PDB file of all heavy atoms in Angstrom:
ATOM      1  N   ALA A   1      63.546 -67.867  85.392  1.00  0.00           N
ATOM      2  CA  ALA A   1      64.938 -67.977  85.376  1.00  0.00           C
ATOM      3  C   ALA A   1      65.487 -66.756  84.719  1.00  0.00           C
ATOM      4  O   ALA A   1      65.079 -66.360  83.617  1.00  0.00           O
ATOM      5  CB  ALA A   1      65.492 -69.180  84.708  1.00  0.00           C
ATOM      6  N   LEU A   2      66.586 -66.157  85.375  1.00  0.00           N
ATOM      7  CA  LEU A   2      67.191 -64.976  84.654  1.00  0.00           C
ATOM      8  C   LEU A   2      68.186 -65.457  83.509  1.00  0.00           C
ATOM      9  O   LEU A   2      68.653 -66.611  83.648  1.00  0.00           O
ATOM     10  CB  LEU A   2      68.227 -64.282  85.705  1.00  0.00           C
ATOM     11  CG  LEU A   2      67.526 -63.508  86.801  1.00  0.00           C
ATOM     12  CD1 LEU A   2      68.503 -63.049  87.812  1.00  0.00           C
ATOM     13  CD2 LEU A   2      66.674 -62.371  86.254  1.00  0.00           C
ATOM     14  N   GLY A   3      68.024 -64.660  82.520  1.00  0.00           N
ATOM     15  CA  GLY A   3      68.903 -65.225  81.341  1.00  0.00           C
ATOM     16  C   GLY A   3      68.229 -66.129  80.390  1.00  0.00           C
ATOM     17  O   GLY A   3      68.988 -66.544  79.444  1.00  0.00           O
ATOM     18  N   THR A   4      67.045 -66.465  80.719  1.00  0.00           N
ATOM     19  CA  THR A   4      66.218 -67.462  79.894  1.00  0.00           C
ATOM     20  C   THR A   4      65.089 -66.704  79.260  1.00  0.00           C
ATOM     21  O   THR A   4      64.268 -66.020  79.993  1.00  0.00           O
ATOM     22  CB  THR A   4      65.785 -68.555  80.710  1.00  0.00           C
ATOM     23  OG1 THR A   4      66.964 -69.170  81.271  1.00  0.00           O
ATOM     24  CG2 THR A   4      65.133 -69.598  79.884  1.00  0.00           C
ATOM     25  N   CYS A   5      64.864 -66.936  77.971  1.00  0.00           N
ATOM     26  CA  CYS A   5      63.704 -66.319  77.493  1.00  0.00           C
ATOM     27  C   CYS A   5      62.785 -67.514  76.886  1.00  0.00           C
ATOM     28  O   CYS A   5      63.142 -68.051  75.813  1.00  0.00           O
ATOM     29  CB  CYS A   5      63.938 -65.278  76.328  1.00  0.00           C
ATOM     30  SG  CYS A   5      65.341 -65.727  75.241  1.00  0.00           S
ATOM     31  N   HIS A   6      61.985 -67.854  77.676  1.00  0.00           N
ATOM     32  CA  HIS A   6      61.137 -68.945  77.408  1.00  0.00           C
ATOM     33  C   HIS A   6      59.625 -68.691  78.017  1.00  0.00           C
ATOM     34  O   HIS A   6      59.633 -68.267  79.173  1.00  0.00           O
ATOM     35  CB  HIS A   6      61.768 -70.303  78.119  1.00  0.00           C
ATOM     36  CG  HIS A   6      60.810 -71.458  77.887  1.00  0.00           C
ATOM     37  ND1 HIS A   6      59.927 -71.753  78.772  1.00  0.00           N
ATOM     38  CD2 HIS A   6      60.650 -72.405  76.794  1.00  0.00           C
ATOM     39  CE1 HIS A   6      59.304 -72.980  78.367  1.00  0.00           C
ATOM     40  NE2 HIS A   6      59.715 -73.171  77.179  1.00  0.00           N
ATOM     41  N   GLU A   7      58.636 -68.975  77.409  1.00  0.00           N
ATOM     42  CA  GLU A   7      57.321 -68.872  77.977  1.00  0.00           C
ATOM     43  C   GLU A   7      56.498 -69.974  77.436  1.00  0.00           C
ATOM     44  O   GLU A   7      56.798 -70.625  76.442  1.00  0.00           O
ATOM     45  CB  GLU A   7      56.674 -67.572  77.409  1.00  0.00           C
ATOM     46  CG  GLU A   7      57.407 -66.315  77.868  1.00  0.00           C
ATOM     47  CD  GLU A   7      56.568 -65.080  77.725  1.00  0.00           C
ATOM     48  OE1 GLU A   7      55.326 -65.148  77.473  1.00  0.00           O
ATOM     49  OE2 GLU A   7      57.070 -63.889  77.988  1.00  0.00           O
ATOM     50  N   ARG A   8      55.557 -70.317  78.261  1.00  0.00           N
ATOM     51  CA  ARG A   8      54.526 -71.351  77.881  1.00  0.00           C
ATOM     52  C   ARG A   8      53.162 -70.901  77.922  1.00  0.00           C
ATOM     53  O   ARG A   8      52.739 -70.216  78.839  1.00  0.00           O
ATOM     54  CB  ARG A   8      54.818 -72.473  78.786  1.00  0.00           C
ATOM     55  CG  ARG A   8      53.903 -73.750  78.486  1.00  0.00           C
ATOM     56  CD  ARG A   8      54.286 -74.877  79.387  1.00  0.00           C
ATOM     57  NE  ARG A   8      52.972 -75.224  80.083  1.00  0.00           N
ATOM     58  CZ  ARG A   8      52.739 -76.560  80.443  1.00  0.00           C
ATOM     59  NH1 ARG A   8      53.781 -77.254  80.511  1.00  0.00           N
ATOM     60  NH2 ARG A   8      51.628 -76.791  80.981  1.00  0.00           N
ATOM     61  N   LEU A   9      52.439 -71.123  76.752  1.00  0.00           N
ATOM     62  CA  LEU A   9      50.941 -70.717  76.841  1.00  0.00           C
ATOM     63  C   LEU A   9      50.231 -72.068  76.971  1.00  0.00           C
ATOM     64  O   LEU A   9      50.402 -73.086  76.238  1.00  0.00           O
ATOM     65  CB  LEU A   9      50.628 -70.125  75.438  1.00  0.00           C
ATOM     66  CG  LEU A   9      51.360 -68.865  75.166  1.00  0.00           C
ATOM     67  CD1 LEU A   9      50.975 -68.325  73.723  1.00  0.00           C
ATOM     68  CD2 LEU A   9      51.248 -67.820  76.234  1.00  0.00           C
ATOM     69  N   SER A  10      49.306 -72.187  77.928  1.00  0.00           N
ATOM     70  CA  SER A  10      48.607 -73.503  78.105  1.00  0.00           C
ATOM     71  C   SER A  10      47.139 -73.213  78.393  1.00  0.00           C
ATOM     72  O   SER A  10      46.848 -72.177  78.985  1.00  0.00           O
ATOM     73  CB  SER A  10      49.294 -74.332  79.188  1.00  0.00           C
ATOM     74  OG  SER A  10      49.226 -73.622  80.452  1.00  0.00           O
ATOM     75  N   GLY A  11      46.306 -74.115  77.925  1.00  0.00           N
ATOM     76  CA  GLY A  11      44.883 -73.915  78.142  1.00  0.00           C
ATOM     77  C   GLY A  11      44.159 -75.204  77.849  1.00  0.00           C
ATOM     78  O   GLY A  11      44.796 -76.254  77.621  1.00  0.00           O
ATOM     79  N   ARG A  12      42.849 -75.132  77.689  1.00  0.00           N
ATOM     80  CA  ARG A  12      42.151 -76.292  77.238  1.00  0.00           C
ATOM     81  C   ARG A  12      41.076 -75.827  76.372  1.00  0.00           C
ATOM     82  O   ARG A  12      40.632 -74.716  76.387  1.00  0.00           O
ATOM     83  CB  ARG A  12      41.499 -76.992  78.534  1.00  0.00           C
ATOM     84  CG  ARG A  12      42.533 -77.489  79.499  1.00  0.00           C
ATOM     85  CD  ARG A  12      42.023 -78.673  80.186  1.00  0.00           C
ATOM     86  NE  ARG A  12      43.056 -79.331  80.906  1.00  0.00           N
ATOM     87  CZ  ARG A  12      43.723 -80.490  80.579  1.00  0.00           C
ATOM     88  NH1 ARG A  12      43.384 -80.948  79.423  1.00  0.00           N
ATOM     89  NH2 ARG A  12      44.630 -80.942  81.225  1.00  0.00           N
ATOM     90  N   HIS A  13      40.687 -76.756  75.464  1.00  0.00           N
ATOM     91  CA  HIS A  13      39.524 -76.405  74.406  1.00  0.00           C
ATOM     92  C   HIS A  13      38.755 -77.673  74.235  1.00  0.00           C
ATOM     93  O   HIS A  13      39.147 -78.748  74.394  1.00  0.00           O
ATOM     94  CB  HIS A  13      40.295 -75.958  73.184  1.00  0.00           C
ATOM     95  CG  HIS A  13      39.455 -75.277  72.116  1.00  0.00           C
ATOM     96  ND1 HIS A  13      38.926 -74.158  72.384  1.00  0.00           N
ATOM     97  CD2 HIS A  13      38.887 -75.793  70.944  1.00  0.00           C
ATOM     98  CE1 HIS A  13      38.039 -73.738  71.244  1.00  0.00           C
ATOM     99  NE2 HIS A  13      38.201 -74.750  70.438  1.00  0.00           N
ATOM    100  N   ALA A  14      37.513 -77.386  73.619  1.00  0.00           N
ATOM    101  CA  ALA A  14      36.721 -78.513  73.249  1.00  0.00           C
ATOM    102  C   ALA A  14      37.414 -79.424  72.272  1.00  0.00           C
ATOM    103  O   ALA A  14      38.010 -79.010  71.280  1.00  0.00           O
ATOM    104  CB  ALA A  14      35.430 -77.898  72.536  1.00  0.00           C
ATOM    105  N   PRO A  15      37.381 -80.763  72.621  1.00  0.00           N
ATOM    106  CA  PRO A  15      38.013 -81.654  71.763  1.00  0.00           C
ATOM    107  C   PRO A  15      37.597 -81.955  70.358  1.00  0.00           C
ATOM    108  O   PRO A  15      38.428 -82.039  69.527  1.00  0.00           O
ATOM    109  CB  PRO A  15      37.982 -83.022  72.511  1.00  0.00           C
ATOM    110  CG  PRO A  15      36.892 -82.857  73.496  1.00  0.00           C
ATOM    111  CD  PRO A  15      36.788 -81.429  73.811  1.00  0.00           C
ATOM    112  N   GLU A  16      36.315 -81.525  70.075  1.00  0.00           N
ATOM    113  CA  GLU A  16      35.806 -81.699  68.692  1.00  0.00           C
ATOM    114  C   GLU A  16      36.317 -80.606  67.873  1.00  0.00           C
ATOM    115  O   GLU A  16      36.230 -80.723  66.565  1.00  0.00           O
ATOM    116  CB  GLU A  16      34.288 -81.450  68.821  1.00  0.00           C
ATOM    117  CG  GLU A  16      33.556 -82.462  69.730  1.00  0.00           C
ATOM    118  CD  GLU A  16      33.597 -82.126  71.230  1.00  0.00           C
ATOM    119  OE1 GLU A  16      33.671 -80.821  71.506  1.00  0.00           O
ATOM    120  OE2 GLU A  16      33.547 -82.947  72.088  1.00  0.00           O
ATOM    121  N   THR A  17      36.781 -79.397  68.375  1.00  0.00           N
ATOM    122  CA  THR A  17      37.245 -78.236  67.558  1.00  0.00           C
ATOM    123  C   THR A  17      38.563 -77.881  67.789  1.00  0.00           C
ATOM    124  O   THR A  17      39.115 -76.985  67.160  1.00  0.00           O
ATOM    125  CB  THR A  17      36.320 -77.128  67.717  1.00  0.00           C
ATOM    126  OG1 THR A  17      36.214 -76.815  69.114  1.00  0.00           O
ATOM    127  CG2 THR A  17      34.778 -77.527  67.206  1.00  0.00           C
ATOM    128  N   VAL A  18      39.387 -78.570  68.669  1.00  0.00           N
ATOM    129  CA  VAL A  18      40.668 -77.972  68.955  1.00  0.00           C
ATOM    130  C   VAL A  18      41.695 -77.960  67.817  1.00  0.00           C
ATOM    131  O   VAL A  18      42.426 -77.050  67.585  1.00  0.00           O
ATOM    132  CB  VAL A  18      41.203 -78.674  70.149  1.00  0.00           C
ATOM    133  CG1 VAL A  18      41.730 -80.210  69.886  1.00  0.00           C
ATOM    134  CG2 VAL A  18      42.404 -78.026  70.730  1.00  0.00           C
ATOM    135  N   ASP A  19      41.653 -79.165  66.957  1.00  0.00           N
ATOM    136  CA  ASP A  19      42.562 -79.059  65.866  1.00  0.00           C
ATOM    137  C   ASP A  19      42.276 -78.113  64.789  1.00  0.00           C
ATOM    138  O   ASP A  19      43.137 -77.368  64.329  1.00  0.00           O
ATOM    139  CB  ASP A  19      42.621 -80.447  65.261  1.00  0.00           C
ATOM    140  CG  ASP A  19      43.203 -81.517  66.009  1.00  0.00           C
ATOM    141  OD1 ASP A  19      44.091 -81.197  66.880  1.00  0.00           O
ATOM    142  OD2 ASP A  19      43.187 -82.808  65.698  1.00  0.00           O
ATOM    143  N   ALA A  20      41.083 -77.827  64.429  1.00  0.00           N
ATOM    144  CA  ALA A  20      40.617 -76.855  63.546  1.00  0.00           C
ATOM    145  C   ALA A  20      40.967 -75.400  64.042  1.00  0.00           C
ATOM    146  O   ALA A  20      41.526 -74.534  63.367  1.00  0.00           O
ATOM    147  CB  ALA A  20      39.152 -76.942  63.209  1.00  0.00           C
ATOM    148  N   ALA A  21      40.764 -75.193  65.297  1.00  0.00           N
ATOM    149  CA  ALA A  21      40.953 -73.833  66.046  1.00  0.00           C
ATOM    150  C   ALA A  21      42.484 -73.629  66.065  1.00  0.00           C
ATOM    151  O   ALA A  21      42.914 -72.617  65.742  1.00  0.00           O
ATOM    152  CB  ALA A  21      40.363 -73.740  67.303  1.00  0.00           C
ATOM    153  N   MET A  22      43.340 -74.624  66.292  1.00  0.00           N
ATOM    154  CA  MET A  22      44.818 -74.522  66.400  1.00  0.00           C
ATOM    155  C   MET A  22      45.289 -74.316  64.951  1.00  0.00           C
ATOM    156  O   MET A  22      46.063 -73.383  64.748  1.00  0.00           O
ATOM    157  CB  MET A  22      45.308 -75.616  66.911  1.00  0.00           C
ATOM    158  CG  MET A  22      45.305 -75.706  68.408  1.00  0.00           C
ATOM    159  SD  MET A  22      46.327 -74.568  69.344  1.00  0.00           S
ATOM    160  CE  MET A  22      47.915 -75.067  68.995  1.00  0.00           C
ATOM    161  N   LYS A  23      44.840 -75.017  64.016  1.00  0.00           N
ATOM    162  CA  LYS A  23      45.161 -74.721  62.583  1.00  0.00           C
ATOM    163  C   LYS A  23      44.972 -73.324  62.129  1.00  0.00           C
ATOM    164  O   LYS A  23      45.688 -72.714  61.449  1.00  0.00           O
ATOM    165  CB  LYS A  23      44.679 -75.805  61.765  1.00  0.00           C
ATOM    166  CG  LYS A  23      45.417 -77.261  61.910  1.00  0.00           C
ATOM    167  CD  LYS A  23      44.748 -78.213  61.102  1.00  0.00           C
ATOM    168  CE  LYS A  23      45.385 -79.607  61.452  1.00  0.00           C
ATOM    169  NZ  LYS A  23      44.764 -80.734  60.806  1.00  0.00           N
ATOM    170  N   ALA A  24      43.661 -72.873  62.375  1.00  0.00           N
ATOM    171  CA  ALA A  24      43.249 -71.578  62.007  1.00  0.00           C
ATOM    172  C   ALA A  24      44.093 -70.386  62.738  1.00  0.00           C
ATOM    173  O   ALA A  24      44.475 -69.492  62.068  1.00  0.00           O
ATOM    174  CB  ALA A  24      41.747 -71.265  62.381  1.00  0.00           C
ATOM    175  N   ALA A  25      44.445 -70.692  63.983  1.00  0.00           N
ATOM    176  CA  ALA A  25      45.298 -69.802  64.758  1.00  0.00           C
ATOM    177  C   ALA A  25      46.624 -69.708  64.143  1.00  0.00           C
ATOM    178  O   ALA A  25      47.208 -68.630  63.983  1.00  0.00           O
ATOM    179  CB  ALA A  25      45.301 -70.127  66.246  1.00  0.00           C
ATOM    180  N   LEU A  26      47.221 -70.773  63.867  1.00  0.00           N
ATOM    181  CA  LEU A  26      48.557 -70.841  63.194  1.00  0.00           C
ATOM    182  C   LEU A  26      48.653 -70.177  61.909  1.00  0.00           C
ATOM    183  O   LEU A  26      49.517 -69.426  61.571  1.00  0.00           O
ATOM    184  CB  LEU A  26      49.111 -72.271  63.264  1.00  0.00           C
ATOM    185  CG  LEU A  26      49.344 -72.910  64.528  1.00  0.00           C
ATOM    186  CD1 LEU A  26      49.619 -74.344  64.478  1.00  0.00           C
ATOM    187  CD2 LEU A  26      50.392 -72.104  65.429  1.00  0.00           C
ATOM    188  N   SER A  27      47.632 -70.432  61.127  1.00  0.00           N
ATOM    189  CA  SER A  27      47.460 -69.699  59.761  1.00  0.00           C
ATOM    190  C   SER A  27      47.306 -68.241  60.035  1.00  0.00           C
ATOM    191  O   SER A  27      47.951 -67.550  59.301  1.00  0.00           O
ATOM    192  CB  SER A  27      46.205 -70.324  59.092  1.00  0.00           C
ATOM    193  OG  SER A  27      46.088 -69.707  57.849  1.00  0.00           O
ATOM    194  N   ARG A  28      46.613 -67.916  60.964  1.00  0.00           N
ATOM    195  CA  ARG A  28      46.419 -66.364  61.199  1.00  0.00           C
ATOM    196  C   ARG A  28      47.664 -65.823  61.781  1.00  0.00           C
ATOM    197  O   ARG A  28      47.984 -64.584  61.320  1.00  0.00           O
ATOM    198  CB  ARG A  28      45.372 -66.150  62.336  1.00  0.00           C
ATOM    199  CG  ARG A  28      44.999 -64.755  62.647  1.00  0.00           C
ATOM    200  CD  ARG A  28      44.040 -64.533  63.779  1.00  0.00           C
ATOM    201  NE  ARG A  28      42.876 -65.286  63.639  1.00  0.00           N
ATOM    202  CZ  ARG A  28      41.802 -64.618  63.260  1.00  0.00           C
ATOM    203  NH1 ARG A  28      41.760 -63.223  62.936  1.00  0.00           N
ATOM    204  NH2 ARG A  28      40.739 -65.110  62.842  1.00  0.00           N
ATOM    205  N   ALA A  29      48.482 -66.479  62.392  1.00  0.00           N
ATOM    206  CA  ALA A  29      49.834 -65.963  62.877  1.00  0.00           C
ATOM    207  C   ALA A  29      50.743 -65.708  61.628  1.00  0.00           C
ATOM    208  O   ALA A  29      51.477 -64.853  61.600  1.00  0.00           O
ATOM    209  CB  ALA A  29      50.449 -67.058  63.864  1.00  0.00           C
ATOM    210  N   ARG A  30      50.693 -66.660  60.692  1.00  0.00           N
ATOM    211  CA  ARG A  30      51.507 -66.406  59.466  1.00  0.00           C
ATOM    212  C   ARG A  30      50.889 -65.302  58.608  1.00  0.00           C
ATOM    213  O   ARG A  30      51.721 -64.504  58.227  1.00  0.00           O
ATOM    214  CB  ARG A  30      51.365 -67.800  58.742  1.00  0.00           C
ATOM    215  CG  ARG A  30      52.115 -68.889  59.252  1.00  0.00           C
ATOM    216  CD  ARG A  30      52.224 -70.146  58.334  1.00  0.00           C
ATOM    217  NE  ARG A  30      52.617 -71.344  58.917  1.00  0.00           N
ATOM    218  CZ  ARG A  30      51.781 -72.177  59.387  1.00  0.00           C
ATOM    219  NH1 ARG A  30      50.439 -72.013  59.280  1.00  0.00           N
ATOM    220  NH2 ARG A  30      52.232 -73.318  60.034  1.00  0.00           N
ATOM    221  N   THR A  31      49.672 -65.332  58.347  1.00  0.00           N
ATOM    222  CA  THR A  31      49.030 -64.297  57.399  1.00  0.00           C
ATOM    223  C   THR A  31      48.950 -62.885  57.897  1.00  0.00           C
ATOM    224  O   THR A  31      49.195 -62.009  57.143  1.00  0.00           O
ATOM    225  CB  THR A  31      47.855 -64.887  56.730  1.00  0.00           C
ATOM    226  OG1 THR A  31      46.756 -64.992  57.842  1.00  0.00           O
ATOM    227  CG2 THR A  31      47.950 -66.184  56.028  1.00  0.00           C
ATOM    228  N   GLU A  32      48.499 -62.835  59.208  1.00  0.00           N
ATOM    229  CA  GLU A  32      48.231 -61.521  59.712  1.00  0.00           C
ATOM    230  C   GLU A  32      49.261 -60.970  60.681  1.00  0.00           C
ATOM    231  O   GLU A  32      49.281 -59.719  60.967  1.00  0.00           O
ATOM    232  CB  GLU A  32      46.887 -61.646  60.499  1.00  0.00           C
ATOM    233  CG  GLU A  32      45.814 -61.920  59.589  1.00  0.00           C
ATOM    234  CD  GLU A  32      44.428 -62.017  60.231  1.00  0.00           C
ATOM    235  OE1 GLU A  32      44.329 -61.462  61.386  1.00  0.00           O
ATOM    236  OE2 GLU A  32      43.440 -62.671  59.854  1.00  0.00           O
ATOM    237  N   HIS A  33      50.149 -61.804  61.180  1.00  0.00           N
ATOM    238  CA  HIS A  33      51.121 -61.268  62.252  1.00  0.00           C
ATOM    239  C   HIS A  33      52.586 -61.584  61.825  1.00  0.00           C
ATOM    240  O   HIS A  33      53.433 -61.385  62.874  1.00  0.00           O
ATOM    241  CB  HIS A  33      50.834 -61.956  63.661  1.00  0.00           C
ATOM    242  CG  HIS A  33      49.396 -61.592  64.073  1.00  0.00           C
ATOM    243  ND1 HIS A  33      49.097 -60.301  64.622  1.00  0.00           N
ATOM    244  CD2 HIS A  33      48.121 -62.128  63.898  1.00  0.00           C
ATOM    245  CE1 HIS A  33      47.794 -60.344  64.924  1.00  0.00           C
ATOM    246  NE2 HIS A  33      47.273 -61.366  64.410  1.00  0.00           N
ATOM    247  N   GLY A  34      52.980 -62.011  60.728  1.00  0.00           N
ATOM    248  CA  GLY A  34      54.265 -62.050  60.257  1.00  0.00           C
ATOM    249  C   GLY A  34      55.023 -63.302  60.780  1.00  0.00           C
ATOM    250  O   GLY A  34      56.320 -63.342  60.670  1.00  0.00           O
ATOM    251  N   TRP A  35      54.488 -64.278  61.368  1.00  0.00           N
ATOM    252  CA  TRP A  35      55.140 -65.511  61.818  1.00  0.00           C
ATOM    253  C   TRP A  35      55.419 -66.271  60.598  1.00  0.00           C
ATOM    254  O   TRP A  35      54.692 -66.342  59.650  1.00  0.00           O
ATOM    255  CB  TRP A  35      54.412 -66.321  62.794  1.00  0.00           C
ATOM    256  CG  TRP A  35      54.271 -65.668  64.229  1.00  0.00           C
ATOM    257  CD1 TRP A  35      53.404 -64.804  64.592  1.00  0.00           C
ATOM    258  CD2 TRP A  35      55.144 -66.097  65.326  1.00  0.00           C
ATOM    259  NE1 TRP A  35      53.636 -64.489  66.008  1.00  0.00           N
ATOM    260  CE2 TRP A  35      54.744 -65.349  66.385  1.00  0.00           C
ATOM    261  CE3 TRP A  35      56.162 -66.945  65.500  1.00  0.00           C
ATOM    262  CZ2 TRP A  35      55.356 -65.350  67.673  1.00  0.00           C
ATOM    263  CZ3 TRP A  35      56.756 -66.935  66.700  1.00  0.00           C
ATOM    264  CH2 TRP A  35      56.408 -66.081  67.826  1.00  0.00           C
ATOM    265  N   GLN A  36      56.548 -67.034  60.595  1.00  0.00           N
ATOM    266  CA  GLN A  36      57.028 -67.849  59.322  1.00  0.00           C
ATOM    267  C   GLN A  36      57.107 -69.231  59.853  1.00  0.00           C
ATOM    268  O   GLN A  36      57.360 -69.648  60.942  1.00  0.00           O
ATOM    269  CB  GLN A  36      58.436 -67.388  58.957  1.00  0.00           C
ATOM    270  CG  GLN A  36      58.544 -65.923  58.547  1.00  0.00           C
ATOM    271  CD  GLN A  36      57.749 -65.682  57.327  1.00  0.00           C
ATOM    272  OE1 GLN A  36      57.748 -66.372  56.316  1.00  0.00           O
ATOM    273  NE2 GLN A  36      57.005 -64.493  57.404  1.00  0.00           N
ATOM    274  N   SER A  37      56.797 -70.305  58.883  1.00  0.00           N
ATOM    275  CA  SER A  37      56.950 -71.672  59.096  1.00  0.00           C
ATOM    276  C   SER A  37      58.416 -71.909  59.633  1.00  0.00           C
ATOM    277  O   SER A  37      59.280 -71.458  58.963  1.00  0.00           O
ATOM    278  CB  SER A  37      56.510 -72.452  57.987  1.00  0.00           C
ATOM    279  OG  SER A  37      55.111 -72.220  57.712  1.00  0.00           O
ATOM    280  N   GLY A  38      58.576 -72.786  60.713  1.00  0.00           N
ATOM    281  CA  GLY A  38      59.939 -73.001  61.113  1.00  0.00           C
ATOM    282  C   GLY A  38      60.281 -74.574  60.621  1.00  0.00           C
ATOM    283  O   GLY A  38      59.525 -75.075  59.836  1.00  0.00           O
ATOM    284  N   PRO A  39      61.123 -75.114  61.328  1.00  0.00           N
ATOM    285  CA  PRO A  39      61.628 -76.476  60.902  1.00  0.00           C
ATOM    286  C   PRO A  39      60.479 -77.382  61.133  1.00  0.00           C
ATOM    287  O   PRO A  39      59.660 -77.303  62.141  1.00  0.00           O
ATOM    288  CB  PRO A  39      62.801 -76.767  61.724  1.00  0.00           C
ATOM    289  CG  PRO A  39      63.043 -75.598  62.677  1.00  0.00           C
ATOM    290  CD  PRO A  39      61.970 -74.472  62.393  1.00  0.00           C
ATOM    291  N   ASP A  40      60.338 -78.392  60.286  1.00  0.00           N
ATOM    292  CA  ASP A  40      59.325 -79.439  60.445  1.00  0.00           C
ATOM    293  C   ASP A  40      59.744 -80.371  61.650  1.00  0.00           C
ATOM    294  O   ASP A  40      60.786 -80.955  61.669  1.00  0.00           O
ATOM    295  CB  ASP A  40      59.289 -80.227  59.171  1.00  0.00           C
ATOM    296  CG  ASP A  40      58.172 -81.415  59.326  1.00  0.00           C
ATOM    297  OD1 ASP A  40      57.377 -81.382  60.211  1.00  0.00           O
ATOM    298  OD2 ASP A  40      58.050 -82.230  58.295  1.00  0.00           O
ATOM    299  N   THR A  41      58.865 -80.460  62.524  1.00  0.00           N
ATOM    300  CA  THR A  41      59.122 -81.363  63.818  1.00  0.00           C
ATOM    301  C   THR A  41      58.336 -82.570  63.916  1.00  0.00           C
ATOM    302  O   THR A  41      58.348 -83.331  64.805  1.00  0.00           O
ATOM    303  CB  THR A  41      58.981 -80.461  65.115  1.00  0.00           C
ATOM    304  OG1 THR A  41      57.611 -79.988  65.083  1.00  0.00           O
ATOM    305  CG2 THR A  41      59.980 -79.302  65.126  1.00  0.00           C
ATOM    306  N   GLY A  42      57.575 -82.834  62.926  1.00  0.00           N
ATOM    307  CA  GLY A  42      56.605 -83.925  62.915  1.00  0.00           C
ATOM    308  C   GLY A  42      55.103 -83.617  62.821  1.00  0.00           C
ATOM    309  O   GLY A  42      54.723 -82.443  62.779  1.00  0.00           O
ATOM    310  N   VAL A  43      54.354 -84.531  62.726  1.00  0.00           N
ATOM    311  CA  VAL A  43      52.932 -84.482  62.561  1.00  0.00           C
ATOM    312  C   VAL A  43      52.260 -83.906  63.680  1.00  0.00           C
ATOM    313  O   VAL A  43      51.263 -83.204  63.634  1.00  0.00           O
ATOM    314  CB  VAL A  43      52.199 -85.896  62.101  1.00  0.00           C
ATOM    315  CG1 VAL A  43      50.816 -85.815  62.024  1.00  0.00           C
ATOM    316  CG2 VAL A  43      52.968 -86.521  60.897  1.00  0.00           C
ATOM    317  N   GLU A  44      52.746 -84.168  65.048  1.00  0.00           N
ATOM    318  CA  GLU A  44      52.039 -83.802  66.156  1.00  0.00           C
ATOM    319  C   GLU A  44      52.363 -82.433  66.601  1.00  0.00           C
ATOM    320  O   GLU A  44      51.784 -81.929  67.629  1.00  0.00           O
ATOM    321  CB  GLU A  44      52.413 -84.747  67.269  1.00  0.00           C
ATOM    322  CG  GLU A  44      52.031 -86.145  66.994  1.00  0.00           C
ATOM    323  CD  GLU A  44      50.401 -86.294  66.947  1.00  0.00           C
ATOM    324  OE1 GLU A  44      49.684 -85.547  67.582  1.00  0.00           O
ATOM    325  OE2 GLU A  44      49.919 -87.090  66.039  1.00  0.00           O
ATOM    326  N   SER A  45      53.202 -81.632  65.838  1.00  0.00           N
ATOM    327  CA  SER A  45      53.570 -80.290  66.262  1.00  0.00           C
ATOM    328  C   SER A  45      53.853 -79.420  65.037  1.00  0.00           C
ATOM    329  O   SER A  45      54.230 -79.918  64.049  1.00  0.00           O
ATOM    330  CB  SER A  45      54.773 -80.201  67.241  1.00  0.00           C
ATOM    331  OG  SER A  45      55.883 -80.852  66.622  1.00  0.00           O
TER     332      SER A  45
END
């Protein structure tokens, strides 16, 4: 859509390691790439 800035990243990962991999990626985003923690939206996100 024009005038909209929205993107979605989607994929699949091994269920045994997906939570640990996501937490590590989010930590890397904060420490190495300048992303900051945003508003708390709950336990699942």
